[in-house]
């Protein structure tokens, strides 16, 4: 086993998180977006992956293949009960 750095897991892992408010184009709501990777965000409401574009105005564009299937979330424990 090769050990990188002084610790068994090495020292090469750096995570830079960012939390911002924005309008999610997938669920059309003002939400909190969380980023773990440069300019890539995830909506905490619908789970959609977004890329930040800055062109005079900050906007968030869905990430995915054009014409490909959209990511959907399925509730496993049944409908909400009032």
PDB file of N, CA and C in Angstrom:
ATOM      1  N   UNK A   1       0.841  -1.178   0.000  1.00  0.00           N
ATOM      2  CA  UNK A   1       0.000   0.000   0.000  1.00  0.00           C
ATOM      3  C   UNK A   1       0.882   1.235   0.000  1.00  0.00           C
ATOM      4  N   UNK A   2       0.616   2.127  -0.930  1.00  0.00           N
ATOM      5  CA  UNK A   2       1.382   3.366  -1.010  1.00  0.00           C
ATOM      6  C   UNK A   2       0.676   4.440  -0.195  1.00  0.00           C
ATOM      7  N   UNK A   3       1.448   5.108   0.648  1.00  0.00           N
ATOM      8  CA  UNK A   3       0.888   6.166   1.472  1.00  0.00           C
ATOM      9  C   UNK A   3       1.352   7.500   0.913  1.00  0.00           C
ATOM     10  N   UNK A   4       0.398   8.350   0.590  1.00  0.00           N
ATOM     11  CA  UNK A   4       0.717   9.682   0.069  1.00  0.00           C
ATOM     12  C   UNK A   4       0.569  10.684   1.211  1.00  0.00           C
ATOM     13  N   UNK A   5       1.556  11.513   1.392  1.00  0.00           N
ATOM     14  CA  UNK A   5       1.517  12.475   2.489  1.00  0.00           C
ATOM     15  C   UNK A   5       1.841  11.773   3.786  1.00  0.00           C
ATOM     16  N   UNK A   6       1.554  12.414   4.887  1.00  0.00           N
ATOM     17  CA  UNK A   6       1.879  11.857   6.195  1.00  0.00           C
ATOM     18  C   UNK A   6       0.734  11.051   6.788  1.00  0.00           C
ATOM     19  N   UNK A   7      -0.455  11.190   6.232  1.00  0.00           N
ATOM     20  CA  UNK A   7      -1.621  10.473   6.732  1.00  0.00           C
ATOM     21  C   UNK A   7      -1.940   9.325   5.778  1.00  0.00           C
ATOM     22  N   UNK A   8      -2.658   8.289   6.242  1.00  0.00           N
ATOM     23  CA  UNK A   8      -2.969   7.157   5.358  1.00  0.00           C
ATOM     24  C   UNK A   8      -3.770   7.559   4.119  1.00  0.00           C
ATOM     25  N   UNK A   9      -4.593   8.598   4.197  1.00  0.00           N
ATOM     26  CA  UNK A   9      -5.406   8.998   3.056  1.00  0.00           C
ATOM     27  C   UNK A   9      -4.768  10.105   2.240  1.00  0.00           C
ATOM     28  N   UNK A  10      -3.593  10.576   2.654  1.00  0.00           N
ATOM     29  CA  UNK A  10      -2.908  11.613   1.901  1.00  0.00           C
ATOM     30  C   UNK A  10      -3.442  12.994   2.237  1.00  0.00           C
ATOM     31  N   UNK A  11      -2.950  13.983   1.524  1.00  0.00           N
ATOM     32  CA  UNK A  11      -3.365  15.354   1.791  1.00  0.00           C
ATOM     33  C   UNK A  11      -3.868  16.048   0.535  1.00  0.00           C
ATOM     34  N   UNK A  12      -4.151  15.331  -0.533  1.00  0.00           N
ATOM     35  CA  UNK A  12      -4.525  15.935  -1.798  1.00  0.00           C
ATOM     36  C   UNK A  12      -5.989  16.289  -1.946  1.00  0.00           C
ATOM     37  N   UNK A  13      -6.823  16.023  -0.945  1.00  0.00           N
ATOM     38  CA  UNK A  13      -8.261  16.267  -1.075  1.00  0.00           C
ATOM     39  C   UNK A  13      -8.626  17.592  -0.427  1.00  0.00           C
ATOM     40  N   UNK A  14      -9.116  18.510  -1.227  1.00  0.00           N
ATOM     41  CA  UNK A  14      -9.620  19.780  -0.719  1.00  0.00           C
ATOM     42  C   UNK A  14     -11.029  19.967  -1.256  1.00  0.00           C
ATOM     43  N   UNK A  15     -11.955  20.248  -0.367  1.00  0.00           N
ATOM     44  CA  UNK A  15     -13.341  20.475  -0.767  1.00  0.00           C
ATOM     45  C   UNK A  15     -13.689  21.915  -0.445  1.00  0.00           C
ATOM     46  N   UNK A  16     -14.124  22.651  -1.448  1.00  0.00           N
ATOM     47  CA  UNK A  16     -14.548  24.036  -1.267  1.00  0.00           C
ATOM     48  C   UNK A  16     -16.052  24.082  -1.483  1.00  0.00           C
ATOM     49  N   UNK A  17     -16.779  24.292  -0.418  1.00  0.00           N
ATOM     50  CA  UNK A  17     -18.235  24.342  -0.523  1.00  0.00           C
ATOM     51  C   UNK A  17     -18.701  25.784  -0.643  1.00  0.00           C
ATOM     52  N   UNK A  18     -19.846  25.944  -1.282  1.00  0.00           N
ATOM     53  CA  UNK A  18     -20.458  27.266  -1.413  1.00  0.00           C
ATOM     54  C   UNK A  18     -21.966  27.081  -1.360  1.00  0.00           C
ATOM     55  N   UNK A  19     -22.629  27.926  -0.595  1.00  0.00           N
ATOM     56  CA  UNK A  19     -24.082  27.884  -0.480  1.00  0.00           C
ATOM     57  C   UNK A  19     -24.614  29.247  -0.923  1.00  0.00           C
ATOM     58  N   UNK A  20     -25.518  29.242  -1.909  1.00  0.00           N
ATOM     59  CA  UNK A  20     -26.066  30.491  -2.456  1.00  0.00           C
ATOM     60  C   UNK A  20     -27.580  30.368  -2.603  1.00  0.00           C
ATOM     61  N   UNK A  21     -28.231  31.504  -2.704  1.00  0.00           N
ATOM     62  CA  UNK A  21     -29.656  31.554  -3.034  1.00  0.00           C
ATOM     63  C   UNK A  21     -29.780  31.784  -4.525  1.00  0.00           C
ATOM     64  N   UNK A  22     -30.772  31.152  -5.150  1.00  0.00           N
ATOM     65  CA  UNK A  22     -30.964  31.352  -6.574  1.00  0.00           C
ATOM     66  C   UNK A  22     -32.289  30.776  -7.040  1.00  0.00           C
ATOM     67  N   UNK A  23     -32.611  31.051  -8.294  1.00  0.00           N
ATOM     68  CA  UNK A  23     -33.834  30.538  -8.902  1.00  0.00           C
ATOM     69  C   UNK A  23     -33.499  29.266  -9.668  1.00  0.00           C
ATOM     70  N   UNK A  24     -34.087  28.153  -9.249  1.00  0.00           N
ATOM     71  CA  UNK A  24     -33.846  26.869  -9.914  1.00  0.00           C
ATOM     72  C   UNK A  24     -34.745  26.776 -11.142  1.00  0.00           C
ATOM     73  N   UNK A  25     -34.173  26.577 -12.341  1.00  0.00           N
ATOM     74  CA  UNK A  25     -34.999  26.469 -13.540  1.00  0.00           C
ATOM     75  C   UNK A  25     -35.768  25.140 -13.613  1.00  0.00           C
ATOM     76  N   UNK A  26     -35.357  24.144 -12.834  1.00  0.00           N
ATOM     77  CA  UNK A  26     -36.061  22.858 -12.852  1.00  0.00           C
ATOM     78  C   UNK A  26     -37.372  22.907 -12.083  1.00  0.00           C
ATOM     79  N   UNK A  27     -37.350  23.501 -10.885  1.00  0.00           N
ATOM     80  CA  UNK A  27     -38.575  23.528 -10.070  1.00  0.00           C
ATOM     81  C   UNK A  27     -39.190  24.923 -10.008  1.00  0.00           C
ATOM     82  N   UNK A  28     -38.603  25.913 -10.694  1.00  0.00           N
ATOM     83  CA  UNK A  28     -39.122  27.282 -10.779  1.00  0.00           C
ATOM     84  C   UNK A  28     -39.401  27.898  -9.412  1.00  0.00           C
ATOM     85  N   UNK A  29     -38.482  27.694  -8.459  1.00  0.00           N
ATOM     86  CA  UNK A  29     -38.642  28.266  -7.130  1.00  0.00           C
ATOM     87  C   UNK A  29     -37.343  28.919  -6.700  1.00  0.00           C
ATOM     88  N   UNK A  30     -37.460  29.904  -5.793  1.00  0.00           N
ATOM     89  CA  UNK A  30     -36.297  30.512  -5.168  1.00  0.00           C
ATOM     90  C   UNK A  30     -35.801  29.538  -4.108  1.00  0.00           C
ATOM     91  N   UNK A  31     -34.595  29.016  -4.269  1.00  0.00           N
ATOM     92  CA  UNK A  31     -34.115  27.933  -3.414  1.00  0.00           C
ATOM     93  C   UNK A  31     -32.679  28.190  -2.973  1.00  0.00           C
ATOM     94  N   UNK A  32     -32.182  27.302  -2.126  1.00  0.00           N
ATOM     95  CA  UNK A  32     -30.781  27.288  -1.729  1.00  0.00           C
ATOM     96  C   UNK A  32     -30.061  26.303  -2.634  1.00  0.00           C
ATOM     97  N   UNK A  33     -28.924  26.739  -3.191  1.00  0.00           N
ATOM     98  CA  UNK A  33     -28.119  25.894  -4.062  1.00  0.00           C
ATOM     99  C   UNK A  33     -26.783  25.626  -3.374  1.00  0.00           C
ATOM    100  N   UNK A  34     -26.334  24.373  -3.401  1.00  0.00           N
ATOM    101  CA  UNK A  34     -25.099  23.968  -2.746  1.00  0.00           C
ATOM    102  C   UNK A  34     -24.103  23.521  -3.802  1.00  0.00           C
ATOM    103  N   UNK A  35     -22.851  23.994  -3.667  1.00  0.00           N
ATOM    104  CA  UNK A  35     -21.799  23.652  -4.625  1.00  0.00           C
ATOM    105  C   UNK A  35     -20.643  22.967  -3.909  1.00  0.00           C
ATOM    106  N   UNK A  36     -20.174  21.863  -4.455  1.00  0.00           N
ATOM    107  CA  UNK A  36     -18.955  21.203  -3.991  1.00  0.00           C
ATOM    108  C   UNK A  36     -17.874  21.247  -5.052  1.00  0.00           C
ATOM    109  N   UNK A  37     -18.240  21.643  -6.255  1.00  0.00           N
ATOM    110  CA  UNK A  37     -17.328  21.680  -7.390  1.00  0.00           C
ATOM    111  C   UNK A  37     -17.465  23.044  -8.063  1.00  0.00           C
ATOM    112  N   UNK A  38     -16.440  23.520  -8.681  1.00  0.00           N
ATOM    113  CA  UNK A  38     -16.392  24.851  -9.261  1.00  0.00           C
ATOM    114  C   UNK A  38     -17.537  25.097 -10.250  1.00  0.00           C
ATOM    115  N   UNK A  39     -18.422  26.055  -9.935  1.00  0.00           N
ATOM    116  CA  UNK A  39     -19.536  26.493 -10.784  1.00  0.00           C
ATOM    117  C   UNK A  39     -20.603  25.425 -11.039  1.00  0.00           C
ATOM    118  N   UNK A  40     -20.622  24.340 -10.279  1.00  0.00           N
ATOM    119  CA  UNK A  40     -21.663  23.325 -10.400  1.00  0.00           C
ATOM    120  C   UNK A  40     -22.435  23.274  -9.092  1.00  0.00           C
ATOM    121  N   UNK A  41     -23.754  23.397  -9.187  1.00  0.00           N
ATOM    122  CA  UNK A  41     -24.602  23.494  -8.002  1.00  0.00           C
ATOM    123  C   UNK A  41     -25.687  22.428  -8.038  1.00  0.00           C
ATOM    124  N   UNK A  42     -26.243  22.143  -6.865  1.00  0.00           N
ATOM    125  CA  UNK A  42     -27.375  21.223  -6.750  1.00  0.00           C
ATOM    126  C   UNK A  42     -28.480  21.912  -5.953  1.00  0.00           C
ATOM    127  N   UNK A  43     -29.685  21.868  -6.488  1.00  0.00           N
ATOM    128  CA  UNK A  43     -30.858  22.434  -5.828  1.00  0.00           C
ATOM    129  C   UNK A  43     -31.254  21.531  -4.663  1.00  0.00           C
ATOM    130  N   UNK A  44     -31.448  22.113  -3.473  1.00  0.00           N
ATOM    131  CA  UNK A  44     -31.824  21.268  -2.341  1.00  0.00           C
ATOM    132  C   UNK A  44     -33.316  20.955  -2.334  1.00  0.00           C
ATOM    133  N   UNK A  45     -34.080  21.601  -3.208  1.00  0.00           N
ATOM    134  CA  UNK A  45     -35.518  21.337  -3.285  1.00  0.00           C
ATOM    135  C   UNK A  45     -35.821  20.152  -4.208  1.00  0.00           C
ATOM    136  N   UNK A  46     -35.310  20.183  -5.436  1.00  0.00           N
ATOM    137  CA  UNK A  46     -35.634  19.135  -6.408  1.00  0.00           C
ATOM    138  C   UNK A  46     -34.451  18.206  -6.698  1.00  0.00           C
ATOM    139  N   UNK A  47     -33.246  18.572  -6.274  1.00  0.00           N
ATOM    140  CA  UNK A  47     -32.076  17.734  -6.522  1.00  0.00           C
ATOM    141  C   UNK A  47     -31.469  17.921  -7.898  1.00  0.00           C
ATOM    142  N   UNK A  48     -31.922  18.920  -8.645  1.00  0.00           N
ATOM    143  CA  UNK A  48     -31.417  19.158  -9.994  1.00  0.00           C
ATOM    144  C   UNK A  48     -29.994  19.689  -9.982  1.00  0.00           C
ATOM    145  N   UNK A  49     -29.177  19.231 -10.918  1.00  0.00           N
ATOM    146  CA  UNK A  49     -27.807  19.702 -11.065  1.00  0.00           C
ATOM    147  C   UNK A  49     -27.785  20.883 -12.017  1.00  0.00           C
ATOM    148  N   UNK A  50     -27.086  21.953 -11.603  1.00  0.00           N
ATOM    149  CA  UNK A  50     -27.072  23.195 -12.352  1.00  0.00           C
ATOM    150  C   UNK A  50     -25.650  23.688 -12.538  1.00  0.00           C
ATOM    151  N   UNK A  51     -25.437  24.467 -13.594  1.00  0.00           N
ATOM    152  CA  UNK A  51     -24.149  25.108 -13.827  1.00  0.00           C
ATOM    153  C   UNK A  51     -24.377  26.611 -13.802  1.00  0.00           C
ATOM    154  N   UNK A  52     -23.499  27.326 -13.093  1.00  0.00           N
ATOM    155  CA  UNK A  52     -23.635  28.766 -12.975  1.00  0.00           C
ATOM    156  C   UNK A  52     -23.035  29.450 -14.187  1.00  0.00           C
ATOM    157  N   UNK A  53     -23.789  30.364 -14.791  1.00  0.00           N
ATOM    158  CA  UNK A  53     -23.325  31.169 -15.917  1.00  0.00           C
ATOM    159  C   UNK A  53     -23.372  32.626 -15.499  1.00  0.00           C
ATOM    160  N   UNK A  54     -22.294  33.365 -15.763  1.00  0.00           N
ATOM    161  CA  UNK A  54     -22.240  34.778 -15.429  1.00  0.00           C
ATOM    162  C   UNK A  54     -22.020  35.553 -16.717  1.00  0.00           C
ATOM    163  N   UNK A  55     -23.030  36.327 -17.111  1.00  0.00           N
ATOM    164  CA  UNK A  55     -22.940  37.148 -18.309  1.00  0.00           C
ATOM    165  C   UNK A  55     -23.684  38.457 -18.019  1.00  0.00           C
ATOM    166  N   UNK A  56     -23.148  39.220 -17.081  1.00  0.00           N
ATOM    167  CA  UNK A  56     -23.835  40.412 -16.632  1.00  0.00           C
ATOM    168  C   UNK A  56     -24.872  40.107 -15.569  1.00  0.00           C
ATOM    169  N   UNK A  57     -25.471  38.929 -15.645  1.00  0.00           N
ATOM    170  CA  UNK A  57     -26.455  38.451 -14.678  1.00  0.00           C
ATOM    171  C   UNK A  57     -26.081  37.017 -14.325  1.00  0.00           C
ATOM    172  N   UNK A  58     -26.162  36.677 -13.043  1.00  0.00           N
ATOM    173  CA  UNK A  58     -25.879  35.298 -12.641  1.00  0.00           C
ATOM    174  C   UNK A  58     -27.122  34.458 -12.908  1.00  0.00           C
ATOM    175  N   UNK A  59     -26.984  33.388 -13.678  1.00  0.00           N
ATOM    176  CA  UNK A  59     -28.095  32.483 -13.942  1.00  0.00           C
ATOM    177  C   UNK A  59     -27.609  31.047 -13.799  1.00  0.00           C
ATOM    178  N   UNK A  60     -28.545  30.145 -13.597  1.00  0.00           N
ATOM    179  CA  UNK A  60     -28.232  28.731 -13.394  1.00  0.00           C
ATOM    180  C   UNK A  60     -28.886  27.937 -14.510  1.00  0.00           C
ATOM    181  N   UNK A  61     -28.094  27.118 -15.204  1.00  0.00           N
ATOM    182  CA  UNK A  61     -28.541  26.346 -16.353  1.00  0.00           C
ATOM    183  C   UNK A  61     -28.528  24.865 -15.978  1.00  0.00           C
ATOM    184  N   UNK A  62     -29.609  24.118 -16.265  1.00  0.00           N
ATOM    185  CA  UNK A  62     -29.609  22.684 -15.975  1.00  0.00           C
ATOM    186  C   UNK A  62     -28.473  21.955 -16.704  1.00  0.00           C
ATOM    187  N   UNK A  63     -27.859  20.998 -16.027  1.00  0.00           N
ATOM    188  CA  UNK A  63     -26.809  20.186 -16.628  1.00  0.00           C
ATOM    189  C   UNK A  63     -27.449  18.888 -17.101  1.00  0.00           C
ATOM    190  N   UNK A  64     -27.175  18.500 -18.319  1.00  0.00           N
ATOM    191  CA  UNK A  64     -27.706  17.257 -18.855  1.00  0.00           C
ATOM    192  C   UNK A  64     -27.580  17.254 -20.354  1.00  0.00           C
ATOM    193  N   UNK A  65     -27.858  16.115 -20.938  1.00  0.00           N
ATOM    194  CA  UNK A  65     -27.782  15.993 -22.386  1.00  0.00           C
ATOM    195  C   UNK A  65     -29.054  16.554 -23.009  1.00  0.00           C
ATOM    196  N   UNK A  66     -28.895  17.282 -24.097  1.00  0.00           N
ATOM    197  CA  UNK A  66     -30.056  17.821 -24.791  1.00  0.00           C
ATOM    198  C   UNK A  66     -30.937  16.684 -25.292  1.00  0.00           C
ATOM    199  N   UNK A  67     -32.203  16.744 -24.969  1.00  0.00           N
ATOM    200  CA  UNK A  67     -33.144  15.717 -25.391  1.00  0.00           C
ATOM    201  C   UNK A  67     -33.079  14.447 -24.556  1.00  0.00           C
ATOM    202  N   UNK A  68     -32.185  14.421 -23.576  1.00  0.00           N
ATOM    203  CA  UNK A  68     -32.045  13.237 -22.720  1.00  0.00           C
ATOM    204  C   UNK A  68     -33.106  13.221 -21.632  1.00  0.00           C
ATOM    205  N   UNK A  69     -33.168  12.142 -20.876  1.00  0.00           N
ATOM    206  CA  UNK A  69     -34.163  12.042 -19.821  1.00  0.00           C
ATOM    207  C   UNK A  69     -33.853  13.012 -18.689  1.00  0.00           C
ATOM    208  N   UNK A  70     -34.901  13.548 -18.075  1.00  0.00           N
ATOM    209  CA  UNK A  70     -34.738  14.438 -16.934  1.00  0.00           C
ATOM    210  C   UNK A  70     -34.695  13.601 -15.669  1.00  0.00           C
ATOM    211  N   UNK A  71     -33.928  14.076 -14.709  1.00  0.00           N
ATOM    212  CA  UNK A  71     -33.843  13.395 -13.426  1.00  0.00           C
ATOM    213  C   UNK A  71     -35.122  13.642 -12.646  1.00  0.00           C
ATOM    214  N   UNK A  72     -35.727  12.585 -12.124  1.00  0.00           N
ATOM    215  CA  UNK A  72     -36.931  12.734 -11.321  1.00  0.00           C
ATOM    216  C   UNK A  72     -36.727  12.029  -9.989  1.00  0.00           C
ATOM    217  N   UNK A  73     -37.391  12.539  -8.975  1.00  0.00           N
ATOM    218  CA  UNK A  73     -37.338  11.939  -7.648  1.00  0.00           C
ATOM    219  C   UNK A  73     -38.644  11.219  -7.391  1.00  0.00           C
ATOM    220  N   UNK A  74     -38.568  10.041  -6.810  1.00  0.00           N
ATOM    221  CA  UNK A  74     -39.754   9.242  -6.522  1.00  0.00           C
ATOM    222  C   UNK A  74     -39.843   9.039  -5.027  1.00  0.00           C
ATOM    223  N   UNK A  75     -41.007   9.334  -4.458  1.00  0.00           N
ATOM    224  CA  UNK A  75     -41.208   9.136  -3.023  1.00  0.00           C
ATOM    225  C   UNK A  75     -41.441   7.647  -2.767  1.00  0.00           C
ATOM    226  N   UNK A  76     -40.638   7.064  -1.879  1.00  0.00           N
ATOM    227  CA  UNK A  76     -40.730   5.637  -1.620  1.00  0.00           C
ATOM    228  C   UNK A  76     -41.705   5.282  -0.507  1.00  0.00           C
ATOM    229  N   UNK A  77     -42.017   6.247   0.364  1.00  0.00           N
ATOM    230  CA  UNK A  77     -42.874   5.918   1.513  1.00  0.00           C
ATOM    231  C   UNK A  77     -44.314   6.357   1.321  1.00  0.00           C
ATOM    232  N   UNK A  78     -44.756   6.575   0.103  1.00  0.00           N
ATOM    233  CA  UNK A  78     -46.145   6.913  -0.176  1.00  0.00           C
ATOM    234  C   UNK A  78     -46.416   8.398  -0.128  1.00  0.00           C
ATOM    235  N   UNK A  79     -47.638   8.811  -0.421  1.00  0.00           N
ATOM    236  CA  UNK A  79     -47.987  10.235  -0.460  1.00  0.00           C
ATOM    237  C   UNK A  79     -47.997  10.836   0.948  1.00  0.00           C
ATOM    238  N   UNK A  80     -47.848  12.166   0.978  1.00  0.00           N
ATOM    239  CA  UNK A  80     -47.911  12.887   2.271  1.00  0.00           C
ATOM    240  C   UNK A  80     -49.316  12.779   2.838  1.00  0.00           C
ATOM    241  N   UNK A  81     -49.402  12.651   4.132  1.00  0.00           N
ATOM    242  CA  UNK A  81     -50.720  12.602   4.787  1.00  0.00           C
ATOM    243  C   UNK A  81     -50.897  13.861   5.604  1.00  0.00           C
ATOM    244  N   UNK A  82     -52.053  14.477   5.470  1.00  0.00           N
ATOM    245  CA  UNK A  82     -52.331  15.730   6.178  1.00  0.00           C
ATOM    246  C   UNK A  82     -52.787  15.462   7.595  1.00  0.00           C
TER     247      UNK A  82
END
